[in-house]
Amino acid sequence: MSDTSAKSLADQLVARFGDTLEVSTERNEITADLAGADLVAVATALRDEPAFRFSELIDLCGIDYLGYGQVEWDTTTVSGSGFSRGVEGQALGRFSWAERPSGDSQPRRFAAVVQLLSIEHNRRLRLRVFCEDDTLPVVPSLTPVWPGVNWFEREAFDLFGIIFEGHPDLRRILTDYGFVGHPFRKDFPLIGNVEVRYDPEQKRVIYEPVSIEPRVLVPRTIRDDADLLQARAEAADKWREN
């Protein structure tokens, strides 16, 4: 979306919904944060009103902000003699539960994110709803507004444990029957809880404790690359010139 189009949509959202939405723009991508109680009403208006016409729901996913902003890669106090010396594990199996990441940089741990497309106006919009309760994350289902979101919400429920209130058939969609836990949560061990193998003597599948040793492969970090900073500066200069 162009600079002008992004600003126009952001202004329209603020004028129409006021304090119901908290609108932010980053790299010409608009994100609107809202409360779960307002989600269905706002989504219906975004779909039906001529000024918006977001007829297509492209995607819905869950997010777990546990430990968000806490990096694992120490680039300032270690030598260059080895990658592993610069990493501090921040996932289950790499830290003690008492020292688990806190996620203090976000007001809530879980959120549902919705990606919308207006074919009529050639615009995109991101909606984000934080779950009020970290212990039992719940948001309203959008199946009454966009029925095709059915499987997306089942996926977010399966992987993150987010409950979509009002969903017609909320059950797991990717993990196996009897699976315990939600594998995309940040406190779910990367190596899993159990491993499965076929025992030829017992002639059946058996479950055993994981034998893999936890280790850090890809450290988490949030960064603004130099090229992105340069592009942002150039965009600001262009905006001032116009």
Protein backbone atom coordinates (compact mmCIF):
# COMPACT_ATOMS: atom_id res chain seq x y z
CA MET A 1 0.00 0.00 0.00
CA SER A 2 1.31 3.46 -0.88
CA ASP A 3 2.03 6.16 1.71
CA THR A 4 -1.02 8.17 0.65
CA SER A 5 -3.35 5.17 0.66
CA ALA A 6 -2.13 4.01 4.08
CA LYS A 7 -2.62 7.46 5.62
CA SER A 8 -6.07 7.77 4.04
CA LEU A 9 -7.21 4.42 5.43
CA ALA A 10 -5.78 5.18 8.87
CA ASP A 11 -7.67 8.51 8.94
CA GLN A 12 -10.88 6.78 7.85
CA LEU A 13 -10.57 4.18 10.58
CA VAL A 14 -10.02 6.80 13.27
CA ALA A 15 -12.92 8.92 12.00
CA ARG A 16 -15.31 5.94 11.85
CA PHE A 17 -14.39 3.95 14.95
CA GLY A 18 -12.74 6.52 17.21
CA ASP A 19 -11.36 5.10 20.45
CA THR A 20 -12.65 1.62 19.60
CA LEU A 21 -9.51 1.08 17.49
CA GLU A 22 -5.91 1.92 18.25
CA VAL A 23 -4.46 2.46 14.78
CA SER A 24 -0.73 2.35 14.02
CA THR A 25 1.19 2.42 10.75
CA GLU A 26 4.58 0.76 10.21
CA ARG A 27 6.20 0.50 6.75
CA ASN A 28 2.85 1.41 5.19
CA GLU A 29 1.16 -1.52 6.93
CA ILE A 30 -1.79 -0.61 9.14
CA THR A 31 -2.53 -2.45 12.36
CA ALA A 32 -5.71 -1.80 14.32
CA ASP A 33 -5.79 -3.05 17.92
CA LEU A 34 -9.20 -3.56 19.50
CA ALA A 35 -10.92 -5.31 22.36
CA GLY A 36 -12.47 -8.72 21.89
CA ALA A 37 -15.90 -7.36 22.82
CA ASP A 38 -15.80 -5.05 19.77
CA LEU A 39 -14.35 -7.52 17.28
CA VAL A 40 -17.49 -8.89 15.61
CA ALA A 41 -19.19 -5.49 15.30
CA VAL A 42 -16.08 -3.82 13.88
CA ALA A 43 -15.41 -6.73 11.51
CA THR A 44 -18.99 -6.58 10.21
CA ALA A 45 -18.69 -2.85 9.55
CA LEU A 46 -15.34 -3.30 7.80
CA ARG A 47 -16.87 -5.95 5.57
CA ASP A 48 -20.15 -4.20 4.70
CA GLU A 49 -19.62 -0.44 4.71
CA PRO A 50 -18.83 1.06 1.27
CA ALA A 51 -15.87 3.06 2.60
CA PHE A 52 -14.05 -0.16 3.57
CA ARG A 53 -15.42 -3.29 1.84
CA PHE A 54 -12.94 -5.74 3.36
CA SER A 55 -14.69 -8.67 1.77
CA GLU A 56 -11.78 -11.11 2.05
CA LEU A 57 -10.27 -12.54 5.21
CA ILE A 58 -6.84 -13.69 4.04
CA ASP A 59 -5.54 -15.23 7.25
CA LEU A 60 -5.98 -15.53 10.99
CA CYS A 61 -3.22 -16.69 13.31
CA GLY A 62 -2.29 -16.72 16.97
CA ILE A 63 0.68 -15.03 18.62
CA ASP A 64 2.38 -15.82 21.92
CA TYR A 65 4.28 -12.79 23.24
CA LEU A 66 5.95 -14.65 26.11
CA GLY A 67 9.52 -13.35 26.25
CA TYR A 68 8.88 -10.90 23.39
CA GLY A 69 11.84 -8.56 22.97
CA GLN A 70 14.19 -10.72 25.03
CA VAL A 71 17.04 -11.70 22.76
CA GLU A 72 19.05 -14.91 22.96
CA TRP A 73 22.07 -13.81 20.96
CA ASP A 74 24.68 -11.91 22.93
CA THR A 75 26.86 -10.02 20.46
CA THR A 76 28.62 -7.64 22.84
CA THR A 77 30.16 -9.58 25.74
CA VAL A 78 31.39 -12.78 24.13
CA SER A 79 34.33 -13.55 21.91
CA GLY A 80 34.14 -14.67 18.31
CA SER A 81 35.49 -18.11 19.08
CA GLY A 82 32.18 -19.92 18.84
CA PHE A 83 28.52 -19.40 18.11
CA SER A 84 27.22 -21.26 21.16
CA ARG A 85 29.14 -19.02 23.57
CA GLY A 86 27.02 -16.08 22.41
CA VAL A 87 23.66 -17.70 23.08
CA GLU A 88 21.55 -17.73 26.22
CA GLY A 89 18.68 -20.21 25.97
CA GLN A 90 15.23 -18.67 26.40
CA ALA A 91 12.90 -21.59 25.58
CA LEU A 92 11.61 -24.46 27.71
CA GLY A 93 14.30 -27.10 27.98
CA ARG A 94 16.89 -24.30 27.86
CA PHE A 95 15.94 -22.48 31.08
CA SER A 96 14.49 -23.36 34.47
CA TRP A 97 10.77 -22.74 34.87
CA ALA A 98 11.41 -20.22 37.65
CA GLU A 99 13.58 -18.20 35.23
CA ARG A 100 11.21 -18.43 32.24
CA PRO A 101 10.79 -15.33 30.02
CA SER A 102 8.36 -12.81 31.45
CA GLY A 103 7.02 -11.03 28.35
CA ASP A 104 6.79 -7.72 30.21
CA SER A 105 7.01 -5.72 26.95
CA GLN A 106 3.41 -6.64 26.02
CA PRO A 107 0.23 -6.07 28.06
CA ARG A 108 -1.08 -9.57 27.35
CA ARG A 109 0.56 -12.83 26.38
CA PHE A 110 -1.76 -14.11 23.64
CA ALA A 111 -3.29 -12.35 20.65
CA ALA A 112 -5.24 -13.26 17.54
CA VAL A 113 -4.25 -11.45 14.34
CA VAL A 114 -6.54 -11.11 11.33
CA GLN A 115 -5.36 -10.12 7.83
CA LEU A 116 -8.05 -8.46 5.69
CA LEU A 117 -8.16 -7.50 2.00
CA SER A 118 -10.45 -5.06 0.24
CA ILE A 119 -10.52 -6.03 -3.42
CA GLU A 120 -12.75 -3.07 -4.26
CA HIS A 121 -10.36 -0.48 -2.79
CA ASN A 122 -7.11 -2.49 -3.15
CA ARG A 123 -6.27 -2.13 0.53
CA ARG A 124 -5.05 -4.40 3.31
CA LEU A 125 -5.64 -4.15 7.05
CA ARG A 126 -4.41 -6.07 10.08
CA LEU A 127 -6.64 -6.48 13.14
CA ARG A 128 -5.12 -7.59 16.44
CA VAL A 129 -7.06 -8.69 19.51
CA PHE A 130 -5.26 -9.43 22.77
CA CYS A 131 -6.81 -12.13 24.97
CA GLU A 132 -7.77 -10.72 28.35
CA ASP A 133 -6.86 -13.84 30.34
CA ASP A 134 -3.43 -15.41 29.81
CA THR A 135 -4.54 -18.57 31.62
CA LEU A 136 -7.63 -19.10 29.45
CA PRO A 137 -7.19 -17.05 26.25
CA VAL A 138 -10.58 -16.36 24.62
CA VAL A 139 -11.64 -14.19 21.66
CA PRO A 140 -14.93 -14.13 19.72
CA SER A 141 -15.16 -16.26 16.59
CA LEU A 142 -15.37 -14.49 13.23
CA THR A 143 -17.18 -17.35 11.52
CA PRO A 144 -20.47 -15.36 11.47
CA VAL A 145 -18.70 -12.64 9.47
CA TRP A 146 -16.31 -14.64 7.26
CA PRO A 147 -17.30 -18.36 7.34
CA GLY A 148 -14.00 -19.32 5.68
CA VAL A 149 -12.11 -18.47 8.88
CA ASN A 150 -13.35 -21.76 10.37
CA TRP A 151 -10.15 -23.74 9.78
CA PHE A 152 -7.85 -20.80 10.60
CA GLU A 153 -9.44 -20.52 14.05
CA ARG A 154 -9.14 -24.27 14.57
CA GLU A 155 -5.44 -23.99 13.72
CA ALA A 156 -4.89 -21.16 16.21
CA PHE A 157 -6.76 -23.16 18.84
CA ASP A 158 -4.67 -26.25 18.15
CA LEU A 159 -1.27 -24.56 18.09
CA PHE A 160 -1.74 -21.77 20.65
CA GLY A 161 -4.72 -22.87 22.76
CA ILE A 162 -6.75 -19.75 21.92
CA ILE A 163 -10.48 -20.45 22.33
CA PHE A 164 -12.76 -18.84 19.74
CA GLU A 165 -16.08 -18.32 21.43
CA GLY A 166 -19.00 -19.14 19.15
CA HIS A 167 -17.03 -21.33 16.75
CA PRO A 168 -19.30 -24.09 15.38
CA ASP A 169 -16.75 -26.93 15.65
CA LEU A 170 -13.66 -25.93 17.63
CA ARG A 171 -11.30 -28.93 17.73
CA ARG A 172 -7.70 -29.72 16.82
CA ILE A 173 -6.79 -29.76 13.15
CA LEU A 174 -3.03 -30.47 12.90
CA THR A 175 -1.91 -32.42 15.95
CA ASP A 176 -2.80 -36.05 16.63
CA TYR A 177 -5.61 -37.43 18.77
CA GLY A 178 -4.77 -37.16 22.46
CA PHE A 179 -1.98 -34.61 21.89
CA VAL A 180 -1.15 -32.77 25.11
CA GLY A 181 -0.32 -29.06 25.02
CA HIS A 182 -0.13 -26.47 22.26
CA PRO A 183 3.13 -26.70 20.27
CA PHE A 184 3.44 -23.06 19.15
CA ARG A 185 3.38 -21.68 22.66
CA LYS A 186 6.74 -20.28 23.70
CA ASP A 187 6.86 -22.44 26.81
CA PHE A 188 6.31 -25.65 24.85
CA PRO A 189 9.67 -27.48 24.58
CA LEU A 190 11.22 -27.38 21.12
CA ILE A 191 12.19 -31.03 21.48
CA GLY A 192 8.64 -32.03 22.45
CA ASN A 193 7.47 -33.92 25.51
CA VAL A 194 7.58 -37.50 24.24
CA GLU A 195 8.97 -39.48 21.33
CA VAL A 196 7.19 -42.26 19.51
CA ARG A 197 8.57 -45.45 18.00
CA TYR A 198 7.33 -48.84 16.91
CA ASP A 199 8.48 -51.71 19.10
CA PRO A 200 8.79 -54.92 17.01
CA GLU A 201 8.81 -57.12 20.12
CA GLN A 202 5.63 -55.65 21.58
CA LYS A 203 4.25 -55.14 18.06
CA ARG A 204 2.83 -51.75 18.88
CA VAL A 205 3.67 -48.05 18.99
CA ILE A 206 5.09 -46.93 22.32
CA TYR A 207 5.67 -43.49 23.85
CA GLU A 208 8.89 -42.70 25.70
CA PRO A 209 10.53 -39.62 27.28
CA VAL A 210 12.43 -37.49 24.79
CA SER A 211 16.05 -38.61 24.37
CA ILE A 212 17.20 -35.50 22.43
CA GLU A 213 19.40 -33.09 24.34
CA PRO A 214 18.05 -29.50 24.22
CA ARG A 215 20.29 -27.05 22.40
CA VAL A 216 20.06 -23.63 20.79
CA LEU A 217 19.97 -23.67 17.00
CA VAL A 218 18.41 -20.35 16.00
CA PRO A 219 18.55 -17.53 18.56
CA ARG A 220 15.68 -15.10 18.89
CA THR A 221 16.39 -11.44 18.31
CA ILE A 222 14.53 -8.32 17.18
CA ARG A 223 16.47 -5.97 14.99
CA ASP A 224 16.15 -3.10 12.54
CA ASP A 225 18.55 -3.73 9.70
CA ALA A 226 20.46 -0.78 8.25
CA ASP A 227 18.67 -1.04 4.91
CA LEU A 228 15.28 -0.82 6.64
CA LEU A 229 16.37 2.22 8.62
CA GLN A 230 17.60 3.86 5.43
CA ALA A 231 14.33 3.10 3.64
CA ARG A 232 12.37 4.58 6.53
CA ALA A 233 14.45 7.77 6.43
CA GLU A 234 13.97 8.10 2.68
CA ALA A 235 10.22 7.58 3.03
CA ALA A 236 10.07 10.34 5.67
CA ASP A 237 11.96 12.74 3.38
CA LYS A 238 9.58 11.92 0.53
CA TRP A 239 6.58 12.53 2.77
CA ARG A 240 7.90 15.98 3.80
CA GLU A 241 8.53 16.92 0.18
CA ASN A 242 4.92 16.13 -0.74
